Protein backbone atom coordinates (compact mmCIF):
# COMPACT_ATOMS: atom_id res chain seq x y z
CA MET A 1 179.98 -28.90 124.43
CA SER A 2 178.64 -32.00 122.82
CA SER A 3 177.54 -33.36 126.22
CA ARG A 4 175.74 -30.12 126.97
CA ASN A 5 173.98 -30.23 123.63
CA ASN A 6 172.88 -33.83 124.26
CA SER A 7 171.49 -32.89 127.69
CA CYS A 8 169.60 -29.99 126.18
CA ASP A 9 168.18 -32.23 123.53
CA ASN A 10 167.12 -34.71 126.17
CA ALA A 11 165.50 -31.98 128.22
CA VAL A 12 163.59 -30.75 125.17
CA GLY A 13 162.47 -34.28 124.38
CA LEU A 14 161.30 -34.80 127.96
CA GLN A 15 159.36 -31.55 127.90
CA SER A 16 157.66 -32.52 124.67
CA LYS A 17 156.75 -35.91 126.18
CA LEU A 18 155.42 -34.18 129.27
CA ILE A 19 153.29 -31.93 127.12
CA ALA A 20 151.98 -34.95 125.22
CA LEU A 21 151.26 -36.76 128.48
CA LYS A 22 149.42 -33.72 129.81
CA ALA A 23 147.28 -33.63 126.66
CA GLU A 24 146.47 -37.33 126.99
CA LEU A 25 145.65 -36.79 130.68
CA LYS A 26 143.29 -33.98 129.77
CA LYS A 27 141.58 -36.23 127.22
CA ALA A 28 141.34 -39.02 129.78
CA GLN A 29 139.94 -36.57 132.33
CA SER A 30 137.29 -35.38 129.85
CA VAL A 31 136.36 -38.99 129.01
CA ILE A 32 136.17 -39.89 132.72
CA VAL A 33 134.01 -36.85 133.44
CA GLN A 34 131.69 -37.69 130.57
CA GLN A 35 131.34 -41.31 131.69
CA GLN A 36 130.70 -40.25 135.27
CA HIS A 37 128.14 -37.77 134.05
CA MET A 38 126.42 -40.49 131.98
CA LEU A 39 126.28 -42.82 134.97
CA GLN A 40 124.89 -40.10 137.16
CA VAL A 41 122.27 -39.25 134.54
CA GLN A 42 121.26 -42.92 134.29
CA LYS A 43 120.90 -43.17 138.05
CA GLN A 44 118.90 -39.97 138.10
CA LEU A 45 116.58 -41.25 135.40
CA MET A 46 116.02 -44.49 137.29
CA ASP A 47 115.33 -42.54 140.46
CA ARG A 48 112.92 -40.28 138.60
CA LYS A 49 111.04 -43.25 137.19
CA GLN A 50 110.70 -44.75 140.64
CA SER A 51 109.58 -41.43 142.10
CA ILE A 52 107.02 -40.96 139.29
CA ASP A 53 105.63 -44.47 139.89
CA LYS A 54 105.36 -43.73 143.60
CA VAL A 55 103.61 -40.44 142.88
CA LYS A 56 101.16 -42.20 140.55
CA GLN A 57 100.32 -44.81 143.17
CA LYS A 58 99.87 -42.09 145.78
CA LEU A 59 97.58 -40.19 143.43
CA LEU A 60 95.49 -43.26 142.73
CA ASN A 61 95.19 -44.05 146.41
CA ASN A 62 94.27 -40.44 147.15
CA LEU A 63 91.64 -40.47 144.41
CA ASN A 64 90.07 -43.65 145.78
CA LEU A 65 90.05 -42.25 149.28
CA GLU A 66 88.55 -38.98 148.06
CA ASN A 67 85.85 -40.83 146.12
CA GLN A 68 84.92 -42.87 149.18
CA SER A 69 84.83 -39.77 151.35
CA LEU A 70 82.71 -37.95 148.75
CA ARG A 71 80.27 -40.86 148.61
CA ASN A 72 79.97 -40.89 152.36
CA GLN A 73 79.42 -37.14 152.40
CA VAL A 74 76.77 -37.44 149.67
CA THR A 75 74.87 -40.13 151.58
CA LYS A 76 74.99 -38.03 154.75
CA PHE A 77 73.87 -34.97 152.80
CA GLU A 78 70.97 -36.91 151.22
CA LYS A 79 69.86 -38.16 154.62
CA SER A 80 69.97 -34.64 156.03
CA ILE A 81 67.99 -33.36 153.03
CA GLN A 82 65.36 -36.06 153.53
CA ASP A 83 65.01 -35.14 157.19
CA LYS A 84 64.70 -31.47 156.31
CA ASN A 85 62.14 -32.26 153.63
CA GLN A 86 60.05 -34.21 156.13
CA GLU A 87 60.17 -31.29 158.54
CA LEU A 88 59.19 -28.91 155.73
CA GLU A 89 56.29 -31.16 154.77
CA LYS A 90 55.00 -31.10 158.32
CA LEU A 91 55.34 -27.32 158.50
CA THR A 92 53.65 -26.81 155.11
CA PHE A 93 50.80 -29.13 156.12
CA ILE A 94 50.27 -27.15 159.33
CA ASN A 95 50.48 -23.89 157.38
CA LYS A 96 47.91 -25.12 154.85
CA ASN A 97 45.51 -26.12 157.61
CA LEU A 98 45.91 -22.74 159.29
CA THR A 99 45.38 -20.81 156.04
CA ALA A 100 42.33 -22.94 155.19
CA ALA A 101 40.82 -22.30 158.62
CA ASN A 102 41.48 -18.54 158.30
CA ASN A 103 39.93 -18.44 154.83
CA GLN A 104 36.83 -20.29 156.04
CA LEU A 105 36.42 -17.91 158.99
CA LEU A 106 36.82 -14.87 156.74
CA ALA A 107 34.34 -16.28 154.20
CA GLU A 108 31.75 -17.02 156.90
CA MET A 109 32.17 -13.53 158.39
CA ALA A 110 31.80 -11.91 154.96
CA LYS A 111 28.70 -13.93 154.18
CA GLN A 112 27.09 -13.12 157.49
CA LEU A 113 27.68 -9.42 156.80
CA SER A 114 26.74 -9.26 153.10
CA GLY A 115 24.54 -12.30 152.48
CA PRO A 116 24.47 -14.45 149.31
CA THR A 117 25.50 -12.85 146.01
CA SER A 118 23.38 -12.79 142.84
CA GLU A 119 25.72 -15.22 141.06
CA GLU A 120 25.39 -17.77 143.88
CA LYS A 121 21.59 -17.40 143.72
CA GLU A 122 21.56 -18.10 139.97
CA ILE A 123 23.86 -21.13 140.37
CA ARG A 124 21.62 -22.54 143.08
CA ILE A 125 18.48 -21.99 140.97
CA GLN A 126 20.04 -23.84 138.02
CA GLN A 127 21.08 -26.75 140.25
CA ILE A 128 17.60 -27.06 141.72
CA LYS A 129 16.01 -26.92 138.26
CA ARG A 130 18.27 -29.74 137.05
CA LEU A 131 17.26 -31.86 140.01
CA SER A 132 13.61 -31.03 139.22
CA ILE A 133 12.89 -30.15 142.85
CA ILE A 134 10.91 -27.00 141.91
CA ASP A 135 9.27 -25.70 138.74
CA THR A 136 9.48 -21.93 138.61
CA LYS A 137 9.08 -20.88 142.23
CA PRO A 138 11.69 -18.58 143.69
CA PRO A 139 14.50 -20.51 145.39
CA PRO A 140 15.24 -20.50 149.10
CA PRO A 141 18.37 -18.78 150.39
CA PRO A 142 21.46 -20.53 148.97
CA PRO A 143 23.67 -22.63 151.26
CA LEU A 144 27.44 -22.51 151.49
CA PRO A 145 29.39 -23.07 148.22
CA LEU A 146 30.25 -26.60 147.14
CA PRO A 147 33.40 -28.10 148.64
CA GLN A 148 34.78 -29.14 145.19
CA LYS A 149 34.72 -25.57 143.95
CA LEU A 150 36.41 -24.40 147.12
CA ALA A 151 39.08 -27.03 146.63
CA ASN A 152 39.62 -25.99 143.01
CA LEU A 153 39.90 -22.33 144.03
CA LYS A 154 42.41 -23.21 146.73
CA GLN A 155 44.43 -25.25 144.26
CA GLU A 156 44.53 -22.36 141.81
CA GLN A 157 45.67 -20.05 144.60
CA GLN A 158 48.35 -22.50 145.73
CA ARG A 159 49.87 -22.89 142.25
CA LYS A 160 53.04 -20.92 141.70
CA ILE A 161 53.03 -18.66 138.65
CA PRO A 162 56.30 -18.43 136.65
CA LYS A 163 58.08 -15.09 136.40
CA ARG A 164 59.07 -15.59 132.76
CA GLN A 165 57.34 -16.98 129.72
CA LEU A 166 57.97 -20.72 129.46
CA LYS A 167 57.96 -23.11 126.53
CA GLN A 168 54.48 -24.41 125.78
CA LEU A 169 53.71 -28.12 126.04
CA HIS A 170 51.26 -29.18 123.33
CA TRP A 171 49.71 -32.18 125.02
CA GLU A 172 46.27 -33.74 124.71
CA ALA A 173 44.01 -33.63 127.75
CA VAL A 174 41.79 -36.49 128.90
CA LEU A 175 38.06 -35.76 128.72
CA MET A 176 36.27 -35.12 132.02
CA GLN A 177 33.99 -38.10 131.39
CA LYS A 178 37.03 -40.37 131.25
CA ILE A 179 38.76 -38.74 134.24
CA GLU A 180 36.01 -39.80 136.63
CA GLN A 181 36.75 -43.47 135.85
CA SER A 182 40.55 -43.14 135.75
CA PHE A 183 43.28 -42.82 138.37
CA TRP A 184 43.55 -39.11 137.45
CA ASN A 185 40.37 -38.47 139.46
CA ASP A 186 42.10 -39.13 142.80
CA ALA A 187 45.51 -37.79 141.73
CA ASP A 188 46.76 -34.36 142.81
CA ASP A 189 49.82 -32.95 141.06
CA LEU A 190 50.34 -30.37 143.83
CA THR A 191 51.66 -33.17 146.05
CA ILE A 192 54.71 -33.50 143.74
CA LYS A 193 57.70 -31.42 144.82
CA VAL A 194 59.23 -29.62 141.86
CA ASP A 195 62.15 -27.20 141.84
CA PHE A 196 60.26 -24.53 139.90
CA GLU A 197 63.23 -22.15 139.78
CA GLN A 198 65.40 -24.77 138.08
CA LEU A 199 62.52 -25.72 135.77
CA GLU A 200 62.00 -22.07 134.83
CA GLU A 201 65.74 -21.56 134.23
CA LEU A 202 65.93 -24.57 131.92
CA PHE A 203 62.72 -24.12 129.92
CA TYR A 204 61.99 -20.39 129.63
CA GLN A 205 61.16 -19.10 126.17
CA GLN A 206 64.23 -17.44 124.65
CA VAL A 207 62.95 -16.58 121.16
CA ASN A 208 59.35 -16.46 120.03
CA ALA A 209 59.84 -18.95 117.23
CA PRO A 210 56.84 -19.44 114.92
CA GLN A 211 54.92 -22.55 115.76
CA GLN A 212 55.12 -25.25 113.18
CA GLN A 213 51.70 -26.20 111.96
CA GLN A 214 51.14 -29.89 111.80
CA ILE A 215 50.21 -30.77 108.24
CA PRO A 216 47.76 -33.67 108.20
CA ALA A 217 49.13 -36.69 106.44
CA GLN A 218 47.47 -37.37 103.16
CA VAL A 219 46.01 -40.82 103.27
CA SER A 220 46.25 -42.54 99.95
CA ILE A 221 43.13 -44.55 99.27
CA PRO A 222 43.90 -47.58 97.13
CA THR A 223 41.85 -47.99 94.02
CA LEU A 224 40.39 -51.39 93.52
CA ASN A 225 40.60 -52.79 90.08
CA GLN A 226 37.44 -54.80 89.46
CA HIS A 227 37.78 -57.69 87.07
CA ILE A 228 34.76 -59.16 85.31
CA GLN A 229 36.59 -62.24 84.02
CA ILE A 230 36.10 -65.70 85.50
CA LEU A 231 39.72 -65.75 86.65
CA ASN A 232 42.12 -62.92 86.07
CA GLN A 233 45.58 -63.54 84.63
CA GLU A 234 47.34 -63.73 88.01
CA ARG A 235 44.78 -66.13 89.48
CA SER A 236 44.75 -68.41 86.44
CA ARG A 237 48.55 -68.43 86.40
CA SER A 238 48.74 -69.36 90.11
CA VAL A 239 46.19 -72.17 89.67
CA GLU A 240 48.08 -73.46 86.65
CA LEU A 241 51.35 -73.46 88.64
CA VAL A 242 49.73 -75.50 91.44
CA ILE A 243 48.42 -78.06 88.93
CA ALA A 244 51.83 -78.37 87.28
CA LYS A 245 53.82 -78.44 90.55
CA TYR A 246 51.84 -81.26 92.21
CA ARG A 247 50.72 -82.98 88.96
CA LEU A 248 47.10 -82.74 89.99
CA THR A 249 43.99 -83.78 88.14
CA SER A 250 40.42 -83.14 89.18
CA GLN A 251 39.73 -86.88 89.53
CA LEU A 252 42.70 -87.45 91.88
CA VAL A 253 41.71 -84.52 94.09
CA ILE A 254 38.02 -85.56 94.24
CA GLN A 255 38.95 -89.15 95.10
CA ALA A 256 41.36 -88.06 97.86
CA VAL A 257 38.82 -85.63 99.37
CA SER A 258 35.98 -88.16 99.37
CA ASN A 259 38.18 -90.86 100.98
CA ILE A 260 39.90 -88.34 103.33
CA ASP A 261 43.27 -89.58 102.08
CA LEU A 262 45.69 -87.62 104.27
CA LYS A 263 48.71 -89.31 102.69
CA PHE A 264 47.90 -87.68 99.36
CA LEU A 265 46.45 -84.50 100.83
CA ASP A 266 49.32 -83.33 102.99
CA GLY A 267 49.45 -79.88 104.56
CA GLU A 268 51.31 -78.25 101.64
CA LYS A 269 48.85 -79.50 98.99
CA ILE A 270 45.80 -78.52 101.06
CA GLU A 271 47.19 -75.03 101.57
CA ALA A 272 47.82 -74.69 97.81
CA LEU A 273 44.30 -75.94 96.95
CA MET A 274 42.75 -73.55 99.50
CA LYS A 275 44.44 -70.65 97.73
CA CYS A 276 43.02 -71.86 94.40
CA LEU A 277 39.37 -71.89 95.57
CA PRO A 278 37.21 -69.27 93.81
CA GLN A 279 36.04 -66.25 95.76
CA GLY A 280 33.23 -63.69 95.42
CA LYS A 281 32.25 -63.02 91.82
CA GLU A 282 34.41 -65.89 90.60
CA ILE A 283 31.93 -68.33 92.18
CA GLU A 284 29.02 -66.67 90.37
CA GLN A 285 30.82 -66.83 87.04
CA LEU A 286 31.74 -70.48 87.56
CA GLU A 287 28.10 -71.31 88.39
CA LYS A 288 27.04 -69.74 85.11
CA VAL A 289 29.72 -71.70 83.28
CA LYS A 290 28.54 -74.95 84.93
CA SER A 291 25.01 -74.35 83.74
CA SER A 292 26.12 -73.69 80.17
CA LYS A 293 29.07 -76.06 79.72
CA ASP A 294 26.96 -78.96 78.38
CA SER A 295 25.94 -76.88 75.40
CA GLN A 296 29.60 -76.06 74.82
CA GLN A 297 28.89 -72.38 74.48
CA ILE A 298 32.03 -71.37 76.43
CA LYS A 299 35.53 -72.67 75.95
CA LEU A 300 37.46 -72.90 79.24
CA ASN A 301 41.16 -72.75 79.98
CA ILE A 302 42.89 -75.52 81.96
CA PRO A 303 42.72 -73.75 85.39
CA GLU A 304 39.03 -72.80 84.96
CA LYS A 305 38.14 -76.28 83.74
CA PHE A 306 39.98 -77.77 86.75
CA LEU A 307 37.96 -75.68 89.20
CA VAL A 308 34.63 -76.37 87.45
CA GLU A 309 35.24 -80.13 87.60
CA LEU A 310 36.13 -79.92 91.29
CA TYR A 311 32.92 -78.04 92.05
CA ASP A 312 30.90 -80.78 90.38
CA MET A 313 31.52 -82.78 93.56
CA PRO A 314 28.85 -81.95 96.20
CA PHE A 315 30.16 -79.98 99.20
CA PHE A 316 33.69 -79.98 97.78
CA GLU A 317 34.67 -76.71 99.42
CA GLU A 318 33.21 -77.75 102.81
CA ARG A 319 35.04 -81.09 102.66
CA LEU A 320 38.40 -79.51 101.79
CA CYS A 321 38.00 -76.75 104.39
CA SER A 322 37.05 -79.29 107.09
CA ILE A 323 40.15 -81.37 106.37
CA ASN A 324 42.30 -78.24 106.50
CA PHE A 325 40.57 -77.07 109.70
CA LYS A 326 41.16 -80.37 111.48
CA MET A 327 44.85 -80.36 110.54
CA SER A 328 45.38 -76.74 111.69
CA PHE A 329 43.07 -76.75 114.76
CA ILE A 330 45.85 -77.45 117.28
CA GLU A 331 47.94 -74.55 115.98
CA ILE A 332 44.91 -72.21 116.01
CA LYS A 333 44.15 -73.28 119.58
CA LYS A 334 47.72 -72.62 120.71
CA SER A 335 47.74 -69.22 119.01
CA ILE A 336 44.46 -68.14 120.65
CA ASP A 337 45.45 -69.34 124.13
CA SER A 338 48.90 -67.74 124.01
CA LYS A 339 47.60 -64.38 122.70
CA LEU A 340 44.72 -64.15 125.18
CA GLN A 341 47.02 -65.04 128.08
CA LEU A 342 49.56 -62.46 126.90
CA VAL A 343 46.97 -59.66 126.74
CA LYS A 344 45.56 -60.70 130.10
CA ASN A 345 48.96 -60.63 131.85
CA THR A 346 49.83 -57.29 130.23
CA CYS A 347 46.56 -55.66 131.33
CA GLN A 348 46.88 -56.98 134.88
CA GLN A 349 50.47 -55.80 135.31
CA LEU A 350 49.72 -52.36 133.89
CA LEU A 351 46.78 -51.97 136.27
CA GLN A 352 49.02 -52.94 139.20
CA CYS A 353 51.93 -50.68 138.13
CA LYS A 354 51.75 -47.90 140.74
CA TYR A 355 55.12 -46.46 139.72
CA LEU A 356 53.68 -45.64 136.29
CA GLU A 357 50.82 -43.69 137.87
CA LYS A 358 53.23 -41.72 140.06
CA PHE A 359 55.51 -40.99 137.10
CA LEU A 360 52.57 -39.71 135.03
CA LEU A 361 51.56 -37.54 137.98
CA CYS A 362 55.07 -36.02 138.00
CA CYS A 363 54.68 -35.32 134.26
CA LEU A 364 51.35 -33.64 134.97
CA ALA A 365 52.88 -31.38 137.64
CA VAL A 366 55.72 -30.28 135.35
CA GLY A 367 53.43 -29.76 132.35
CA ASN A 368 50.85 -27.76 134.30
CA TYR A 369 53.57 -25.38 135.48
CA LEU A 370 54.73 -24.84 131.88
CA ASN A 371 51.19 -24.25 130.59
CA ILE A 372 49.79 -22.27 133.55
CA SER A 373 49.90 -18.97 131.65
CA THR A 374 49.07 -20.37 128.18
CA PRO A 375 45.73 -21.08 126.46
CA LYS A 376 46.21 -24.77 127.25
CA GLY A 377 45.87 -23.96 130.96
CA ILE A 378 45.79 -26.47 133.79
CA ILE A 379 44.41 -29.94 133.07
CA LYS A 380 43.48 -32.87 135.28
CA GLY A 381 45.06 -35.61 133.12
CA PHE A 382 46.71 -36.18 129.72
CA LYS A 383 46.75 -38.89 127.06
CA LEU A 384 49.61 -41.39 126.92
CA GLU A 385 50.79 -40.29 123.46
CA SER A 386 51.49 -36.81 124.89
CA ILE A 387 54.66 -38.18 126.51
CA GLU A 388 56.37 -37.74 123.12
CA LYS A 389 55.93 -33.97 123.49
CA PHE A 390 58.03 -34.10 126.69
CA ASN A 391 60.89 -35.54 124.65
CA LEU A 392 60.63 -32.83 121.97
CA ILE A 393 61.02 -29.88 124.36
CA LYS A 394 64.73 -29.22 124.95
CA GLY A 395 66.22 -27.13 127.74
CA ASN A 396 68.26 -24.00 127.29
CA ASP A 397 71.42 -25.96 128.13
CA ARG A 398 70.78 -27.98 124.88
CA GLU A 399 71.22 -31.25 126.74
CA THR A 400 68.38 -31.65 129.22
CA SER A 401 65.00 -32.49 127.69
CA LEU A 402 61.73 -32.10 129.59
CA ILE A 403 61.41 -35.86 130.06
CA ILE A 404 64.92 -36.05 131.58
CA TYR A 405 63.98 -33.29 134.01
CA THR A 406 60.73 -35.14 134.84
CA ILE A 407 62.75 -38.29 135.59
CA THR A 408 64.85 -36.35 138.13
CA VAL A 409 61.63 -35.07 139.74
CA ALA A 410 60.28 -38.64 139.89
CA GLU A 411 63.49 -39.94 141.48
CA GLN A 412 63.26 -37.21 144.11
CA GLU A 413 59.77 -38.57 144.83
CA ASN A 414 61.37 -42.00 145.54
CA ILE A 415 60.15 -43.58 142.29
CA PRO A 416 62.71 -46.18 141.13
CA ILE A 417 62.98 -45.55 137.38
CA PHE A 418 65.79 -47.89 136.37
CA LYS A 419 68.40 -50.08 138.07
CA PHE A 420 71.17 -51.92 136.32
CA GLU A 421 70.32 -55.02 138.32
CA GLU A 422 67.21 -56.83 137.06
CA PHE A 423 64.72 -55.97 139.81
CA GLU A 424 60.94 -56.10 139.43
CA ASP A 425 60.55 -53.19 141.87
CA GLN A 426 61.19 -50.43 139.31
CA LEU A 427 59.34 -48.58 136.58
CA LEU A 428 61.39 -49.92 133.65
CA ASN A 429 60.72 -53.57 134.46
CA ASN A 430 62.07 -55.82 131.70
CA GLN A 431 59.32 -58.40 132.12
CA LEU A 432 56.56 -55.78 131.76
CA MET A 433 58.30 -54.09 128.82
CA ASN A 434 58.63 -57.43 127.00
CA LEU A 435 54.94 -58.19 127.59
CA ILE A 436 53.90 -54.78 126.24
CA GLY A 437 56.16 -55.17 123.20
CA GLU A 438 54.64 -58.56 122.33
CA ALA A 439 51.06 -57.41 123.01
CA SER A 440 51.47 -54.40 120.70
CA LYS A 441 51.93 -56.70 117.67
CA PHE A 442 48.24 -57.69 117.44
CA SER A 443 44.84 -56.55 118.67
CA LEU A 444 41.82 -58.14 120.31
CA ILE A 445 39.70 -57.51 117.26
CA GLN A 446 42.31 -59.28 115.12
CA ILE A 447 42.12 -62.34 117.39
CA PHE A 448 38.35 -62.32 116.98
CA ASN A 449 38.38 -61.75 113.21
CA ASN A 450 41.22 -64.18 112.46
CA GLU A 451 41.60 -67.09 114.88
CA ILE A 452 38.16 -67.17 116.56
CA ASN A 453 36.45 -66.50 113.23
CA GLN A 454 38.38 -69.43 111.75
CA ILE A 455 36.79 -71.67 114.40
CA LYS A 456 33.33 -70.31 113.53
CA ILE A 457 33.84 -70.91 109.81
CA GLY A 458 35.28 -74.36 110.53
CA LEU A 459 32.21 -75.29 112.58
CA LYS A 460 29.93 -74.19 109.73
CA HIS A 461 31.85 -76.34 107.26
CA LEU A 462 31.69 -79.29 109.66
CA GLU A 463 27.91 -78.92 110.04
CA LYS A 464 27.41 -78.88 106.27
CA MET A 465 29.74 -81.82 105.74
CA LEU A 466 28.06 -83.92 108.44
CA THR A 467 24.75 -83.62 106.57
CA ILE A 468 26.24 -86.03 104.02
CA ASN A 469 25.27 -89.61 104.82
CA ASP A 470 28.78 -91.02 104.83
CA GLN A 471 29.95 -93.38 107.57
CA ASN A 472 33.62 -92.48 107.06
CA ILE A 473 32.88 -88.78 107.55
CA ASN A 474 30.67 -89.36 110.61
CA GLU A 475 33.28 -91.51 112.36
CA THR A 476 36.14 -89.08 111.83
CA TYR A 477 34.39 -85.73 112.36
CA GLN A 478 31.57 -86.11 114.92
CA THR A 479 33.88 -86.31 117.95
CA PHE A 480 36.05 -83.56 116.48
CA GLN A 481 32.99 -81.31 116.07
CA GLN A 482 32.06 -81.78 119.76
CA GLU A 483 35.62 -81.00 120.83
CA VAL A 484 35.61 -77.79 118.79
CA LEU A 485 32.19 -76.76 120.18
CA ASP A 486 33.35 -77.21 123.79
CA TYR A 487 36.51 -75.22 123.14
CA TYR A 488 34.55 -72.46 121.37
CA LYS A 489 32.24 -72.00 124.37
CA VAL A 490 35.22 -71.73 126.74
CA ILE A 491 37.17 -69.35 124.54
CA GLU A 492 34.12 -67.16 123.95
CA ASN A 493 33.71 -66.60 127.70
CA GLU A 494 37.43 -65.93 128.10
CA TYR A 495 37.34 -63.41 125.26
CA LEU A 496 34.40 -61.54 126.85
CA ASP A 497 36.20 -61.44 130.21
CA LEU A 498 39.33 -60.15 128.49
CA GLN A 499 37.32 -57.43 126.77
CA LYS A 500 36.08 -56.25 130.18
CA LEU A 501 39.64 -56.29 131.57
CA TYR A 502 40.88 -54.30 128.57
CA GLU A 503 38.05 -51.78 129.02
CA LYS A 504 39.05 -51.42 132.67
CA LEU A 505 42.66 -50.74 131.65
CA CYS A 506 41.63 -48.08 129.12
CA ASP A 507 39.30 -46.42 131.64
CA HIS A 508 42.04 -46.46 134.27
CA TYR A 509 44.45 -44.48 132.04
CA GLY A 510 41.80 -42.38 130.27
CA GLU A 511 42.13 -44.09 126.85
CA ASN A 512 39.45 -45.06 124.35
CA TYR A 513 38.64 -48.74 123.81
CA GLN A 514 36.42 -48.39 120.75
CA ASN A 515 36.75 -51.14 118.11
CA TYR A 516 39.04 -53.00 120.57
CA GLU A 517 42.17 -52.07 118.63
CA SER A 518 44.33 -52.97 121.59
CA GLU A 519 47.63 -52.82 119.66
CA LYS A 520 47.32 -49.01 119.42
CA VAL A 521 46.94 -48.62 123.19
CA PHE A 522 49.79 -51.03 123.92
CA GLN A 523 51.97 -49.22 121.36
CA LYS A 524 51.40 -46.03 123.36
CA PHE A 525 52.58 -47.78 126.53
CA ASN A 526 55.52 -49.28 124.65
CA GLN A 527 56.54 -45.89 123.26
CA LEU A 528 56.28 -44.38 126.74
CA PHE A 529 58.59 -46.97 128.29
CA ILE A 530 61.08 -46.71 125.38
CA LEU A 531 61.26 -42.91 125.67
CA VAL A 532 61.71 -43.06 129.44
CA LYS A 533 64.48 -45.66 129.08
CA LYS A 534 66.32 -43.59 126.45
CA ALA A 535 66.00 -40.46 128.57
CA LYS A 536 67.30 -42.29 131.64
CA MET A 537 70.33 -43.56 129.69
CA GLN A 538 71.00 -40.02 128.46
CA SER A 539 70.82 -38.64 132.00
CA ILE A 540 73.26 -41.34 133.22
CA GLN A 541 75.68 -40.46 130.40
CA MET A 542 75.42 -36.76 131.25
CA LYS A 543 76.22 -37.46 134.92
CA LEU A 544 79.15 -39.70 133.98
CA SER A 545 80.54 -37.09 131.62
CA GLN A 546 80.32 -34.45 134.35
CA VAL A 547 82.10 -36.73 136.83
CA ASN A 548 84.78 -37.60 134.27
CA GLU A 549 85.37 -33.94 133.45
CA GLY A 550 85.86 -33.16 137.14
CA ARG A 551 88.27 -36.05 137.56
CA ILE A 552 90.20 -35.08 134.42
CA LYS A 553 90.61 -31.52 135.71
CA GLU A 554 91.86 -32.80 139.09
CA THR A 555 94.36 -35.17 137.48
CA GLN A 556 95.57 -32.44 135.14
CA THR A 557 96.26 -30.08 138.04
CA GLN A 558 98.07 -32.84 139.93
CA LEU A 559 100.14 -33.72 136.86
CA THR A 560 101.15 -30.09 136.36
CA ARG A 561 102.30 -29.98 139.99
CA VAL A 562 104.33 -33.17 139.51
CA ARG A 563 105.87 -31.85 136.31
CA GLN A 564 106.85 -28.61 138.01
CA SER A 565 108.48 -30.49 140.89
CA ILE A 566 110.37 -32.74 138.42
CA MET A 567 111.59 -29.70 136.46
CA ILE A 568 112.86 -28.10 139.67
CA GLU A 569 114.69 -31.32 140.63
CA GLU A 570 116.25 -31.58 137.16
CA GLN A 571 117.51 -28.00 137.36
CA GLU A 572 119.02 -28.63 140.79
CA GLN A 573 120.72 -31.82 139.58
CA ALA A 574 122.11 -30.05 136.49
CA ASN A 575 123.53 -27.28 138.63
CA SER A 576 125.15 -29.84 140.93
CA VAL A 577 126.67 -31.65 137.92
CA LYS A 578 128.08 -28.39 136.59
CA LYS A 579 129.67 -27.65 139.97
CA GLN A 580 131.24 -31.13 140.08
CA ILE A 581 132.68 -30.67 136.56
CA GLU A 582 134.18 -27.30 137.52
CA GLN A 583 135.72 -28.81 140.66
CA ALA A 584 137.18 -31.72 138.64
CA LYS A 585 138.83 -29.28 136.20
CA LYS A 586 140.67 -27.60 139.09
CA LEU A 587 142.11 -30.90 140.43
CA PRO A 588 145.84 -31.77 139.78
CA LEU A 589 146.98 -34.60 137.54
CA HIS A 590 147.77 -37.23 140.20
CA GLU A 591 144.29 -36.95 141.70
CA LEU A 592 142.79 -37.28 138.23
CA LEU A 593 144.86 -40.42 137.67
CA LYS A 594 143.60 -41.85 140.96
CA LEU A 595 140.02 -41.12 139.92
CA LYS A 596 140.68 -42.78 136.58
CA SER A 597 142.05 -45.93 138.21
CA LYS A 598 139.07 -46.07 140.60
CA PHE A 599 136.63 -45.62 137.72
CA LYS A 600 138.33 -48.46 135.74
CA ALA A 601 138.18 -50.76 138.74
CA LYS A 602 134.45 -50.05 139.17
CA THR A 603 133.71 -50.65 135.48
CA ASN A 604 135.69 -53.91 135.48
CA GLY A 605 133.82 -55.11 138.59
CA LYS A 606 130.47 -54.33 136.98
CA LYS A 607 131.49 -56.19 133.80
CA GLN A 608 132.49 -59.24 135.83
CA GLU A 609 129.18 -59.15 137.69
């Protein structure tokens, strides 16, 4: 019995051990499955990364290929459009000739049947009276109408009338007297091809907004404070500061001026003394003081006494001004030569700039279409400052201004507006824009009143000073006077030639050249080029933004496709992992132990590696 009990106890112990072993095996199986799952997930992630990188490279390559193919298609399309446009031009030219011939035949037939009208008779009588061919005799039968009027009527008939009310362009027209001398006389805006439907869609009047009246700027007229004193407080203070700064006395200054001591009278001191010289009524008051100072009727301050003592020296002002003029003559000469050459180069380049004329003609074509049904009507030419009005009118898309649209029209007419490479063969030429910017800082009349007038005044001072019988003065200033006279004759002729060139420039563009305030005209050109450059940059940014939006949409659609494919792959892999786990659960213990030993061997080999 005892042996049987021991065997039963042993059997129970073995069963409990087996149960414990089975539990440990189950734990080991779960750990093995988890580790296998982790390894599989890591491999899958690595594979996904590699597949995503491959997809990205494929997408980039496809995008580059698509861009190249699109560029090729665009070039082919542009060439085909150019060919079609040339064919259309030929057909329109033939059609115009045919319509003109038909109109002439119909007009001649109608005139032969009806004879001249009363209005034509009156026009002919007025023309003959102006030419003073007859006095009051009845006129002969009138001839055919003038060809210019026929051309104007044909142009009015050829103009397309908009279907909707457009935004009005408040520009300033060139006078007919100026047009005859300008390039507008030979220009014809009907030769410019404009997409009128697109223009009408962009710039039709949506709301009849009240027009803003331009309030004239109130010009503040400065009031001049007239002082009756010999020297006012500011002037006496400035003279006193000069005396104290340079430790001057009247005797030292007179001695240095008479001996032409340039060591003592350097440029800084001469400039300070020139500012101290009396002007206008101060000279009259000082003359009165000089006449009455012996009787000691007037007590003078230190600055006034200093000036009176200086003016006791004969021709003091002429001497000091001559010394200053000789020291500054080279700088004045350089300033005059550089400014005259700058204005000359600017005028010549603007006269030779054919792209500017074509661009202005494109502006005229667009503006005439906007104003065809307004009180402004059709004009032959416009002033340069009117280009600012093109920038103020915005399209209904709130992005395209009228000047941006005009630039697109000009580029369709093969006018190179702007290139990123620095080429001279374009409208926005950097060299020309720099010249105009520099020339707009001064005017021709300023050159005449400032620099050239300084030479005139310097010559007068030299003439007065040379009347003094002083050998030192004659030796130093006679040759200098002849040099200045020769230069003045040359520069006077150059200035007159430049005036004629400037007048030619103003006539060419229909501008006024009165008073020779050239900086105002050049500022108009400068503003025109600046506005065109800004508008061109805006149009480039708009095109880039449109291209970027298209590319972003394409990449987003491609990314969504890739994400969907990755999600599908992940779901498939998860399902496969679940199936493998279910199969592993159904396996017996010995197979699980074999799998465990294999897994340990693999992990040990990887650790050793």
